[in-house]
Amino acid sequence: MEKSDLDIINKEKDTDYELAKLWEDHLSLDAEIANLEKATSEIVNHAKINELKKEKLQGRDKLEVILAKYRT
């Protein structure tokens, strides 16, 4: 995430509920993925990690739409 986007998120998250929720979800998924990547059961975790990464990417796409409004 670019610093300018992080600045927008920090500035607008108190007034833009959707942006705040998406960012919170993004951070949560990021932490969950990192924890699973450290775990030992690779077969089970690999499928779960891929599922979480897809969910994170979908959220990131929604974040990008919102951030685009603030960039202009």
C-alpha atoms as a PDB file:
ATOM      1  CA  MET A   1       0.000   0.000   0.000  1.00  0.00           C
ATOM      2  CA  GLU A   2       1.390   3.370  -0.984  1.00  0.00           C
ATOM      3  CA  LYS A   3       2.035   5.985   1.665  1.00  0.00           C
ATOM      4  CA  SER A   4      -0.399   8.382   0.006  1.00  0.00           C
ATOM      5  CA  ASP A   5      -3.141   5.750   0.256  1.00  0.00           C
ATOM      6  CA  LEU A   6      -2.305   5.097   3.900  1.00  0.00           C
ATOM      7  CA  ASP A   7      -2.521   8.847   4.523  1.00  0.00           C
ATOM      8  CA  ILE A   8      -5.974   8.934   2.928  1.00  0.00           C
ATOM      9  CA  ILE A   9      -7.128   5.951   4.972  1.00  0.00           C
ATOM     10  CA  ASN A  10      -5.882   7.474   8.229  1.00  0.00           C
ATOM     11  CA  LYS A  11      -7.491  10.815   7.398  1.00  0.00           C
ATOM     12  CA  GLU A  12     -10.870   9.514   6.195  1.00  0.00           C
ATOM     13  CA  LYS A  13     -11.487   6.340   8.231  1.00  0.00           C
ATOM     14  CA  ASP A  14     -13.189   8.255  11.041  1.00  0.00           C
ATOM     15  CA  THR A  15     -15.862   9.604   8.706  1.00  0.00           C
ATOM     16  CA  ASP A  16     -16.015   6.873   6.037  1.00  0.00           C
ATOM     17  CA  TYR A  17     -17.373   3.748   7.699  1.00  0.00           C
ATOM     18  CA  GLU A  18     -17.007   1.548   4.608  1.00  0.00           C
ATOM     19  CA  LEU A  19     -13.377   2.566   4.164  1.00  0.00           C
ATOM     20  CA  ALA A  20     -12.658   1.910   7.841  1.00  0.00           C
ATOM     21  CA  LYS A  21     -14.327  -1.512   7.743  1.00  0.00           C
ATOM     22  CA  LEU A  22     -12.531  -2.572   4.566  1.00  0.00           C
ATOM     23  CA  TRP A  23      -9.189  -1.452   5.985  1.00  0.00           C
ATOM     24  CA  GLU A  24      -9.827  -3.275   9.259  1.00  0.00           C
ATOM     25  CA  ASP A  25     -10.759  -6.426   7.325  1.00  0.00           C
ATOM     26  CA  HIS A  26      -7.643  -6.053   5.159  1.00  0.00           C
ATOM     27  CA  LEU A  27      -5.373  -5.883   8.204  1.00  0.00           C
ATOM     28  CA  SER A  28      -7.150  -8.779   9.888  1.00  0.00           C
ATOM     29  CA  LEU A  29      -6.834 -10.994   6.811  1.00  0.00           C
ATOM     30  CA  ASP A  30      -3.194 -10.021   6.463  1.00  0.00           C
ATOM     31  CA  ALA A  31      -2.497 -11.143  10.041  1.00  0.00           C
ATOM     32  CA  GLU A  32      -4.461 -14.374   9.622  1.00  0.00           C
ATOM     33  CA  ILE A  33      -2.590 -15.235   6.415  1.00  0.00           C
ATOM     34  CA  ALA A  34       0.760 -14.554   8.109  1.00  0.00           C
ATOM     35  CA  ASN A  35      -0.167 -16.804  11.034  1.00  0.00           C
ATOM     36  CA  LEU A  36      -1.271 -19.636   8.753  1.00  0.00           C
ATOM     37  CA  GLU A  37       1.886 -19.346   6.684  1.00  0.00           C
ATOM     38  CA  LYS A  38       3.897 -19.960   9.848  1.00  0.00           C
ATOM     39  CA  ALA A  39       1.875 -23.047  10.830  1.00  0.00           C
ATOM     40  CA  THR A  40       3.051 -26.571  10.041  1.00  0.00           C
ATOM     41  CA  SER A  41       0.038 -28.267   8.434  1.00  0.00           C
ATOM     42  CA  GLU A  42       0.815 -27.126   4.918  1.00  0.00           C
ATOM     43  CA  ILE A  43      -1.873 -29.024   2.986  1.00  0.00           C
ATOM     44  CA  VAL A  44      -4.759 -27.701   5.050  1.00  0.00           C
ATOM     45  CA  ASN A  45      -3.248 -24.256   5.411  1.00  0.00           C
ATOM     46  CA  HIS A  46      -2.448 -23.899   1.714  1.00  0.00           C
ATOM     47  CA  ALA A  47      -6.134 -24.108   0.767  1.00  0.00           C
ATOM     48  CA  LYS A  48      -7.157 -21.774   3.587  1.00  0.00           C
ATOM     49  CA  ILE A  49      -4.389 -19.309   2.747  1.00  0.00           C
ATOM     50  CA  ASN A  50      -5.506 -19.184  -0.895  1.00  0.00           C
ATOM     51  CA  GLU A  51      -9.109 -18.587   0.206  1.00  0.00           C
ATOM     52  CA  LEU A  52      -8.045 -15.755   2.519  1.00  0.00           C
ATOM     53  CA  LYS A  53      -5.834 -14.190  -0.150  1.00  0.00           C
ATOM     54  CA  LYS A  54      -8.769 -14.145  -2.584  1.00  0.00           C
ATOM     55  CA  GLU A  55     -10.960 -12.506   0.063  1.00  0.00           C
ATOM     56  CA  LYS A  56      -8.224  -9.977   0.806  1.00  0.00           C
ATOM     57  CA  LEU A  57      -7.843  -9.164  -2.894  1.00  0.00           C
ATOM     58  CA  GLN A  58     -11.591  -8.612  -3.273  1.00  0.00           C
ATOM     59  CA  GLY A  59     -11.480  -6.225  -0.319  1.00  0.00           C
ATOM     60  CA  ARG A  60      -8.461  -4.479  -1.784  1.00  0.00           C
ATOM     61  CA  ASP A  61     -10.379  -3.918  -5.027  1.00  0.00           C
ATOM     62  CA  LYS A  62     -13.190  -2.271  -3.046  1.00  0.00           C
ATOM     63  CA  LEU A  63     -10.649  -0.167  -1.144  1.00  0.00           C
ATOM     64  CA  GLU A  64      -9.169   1.006  -4.444  1.00  0.00           C
ATOM     65  CA  VAL A  65     -12.581   2.205  -5.647  1.00  0.00           C
ATOM     66  CA  ILE A  66     -13.071   4.256  -2.474  1.00  0.00           C
ATOM     67  CA  LEU A  67      -9.518   5.589  -2.478  1.00  0.00           C
ATOM     68  CA  ALA A  68      -9.900   6.681  -6.104  1.00  0.00           C
ATOM     69  CA  LYS A  69     -12.645   9.074  -4.994  1.00  0.00           C
ATOM     70  CA  TYR A  70     -10.330  10.707  -2.471  1.00  0.00           C
ATOM     71  CA  ARG A  71      -7.365  10.903  -4.844  1.00  0.00           C
ATOM     72  CA  THR A  72      -9.120  13.235  -7.279  1.00  0.00           C
END
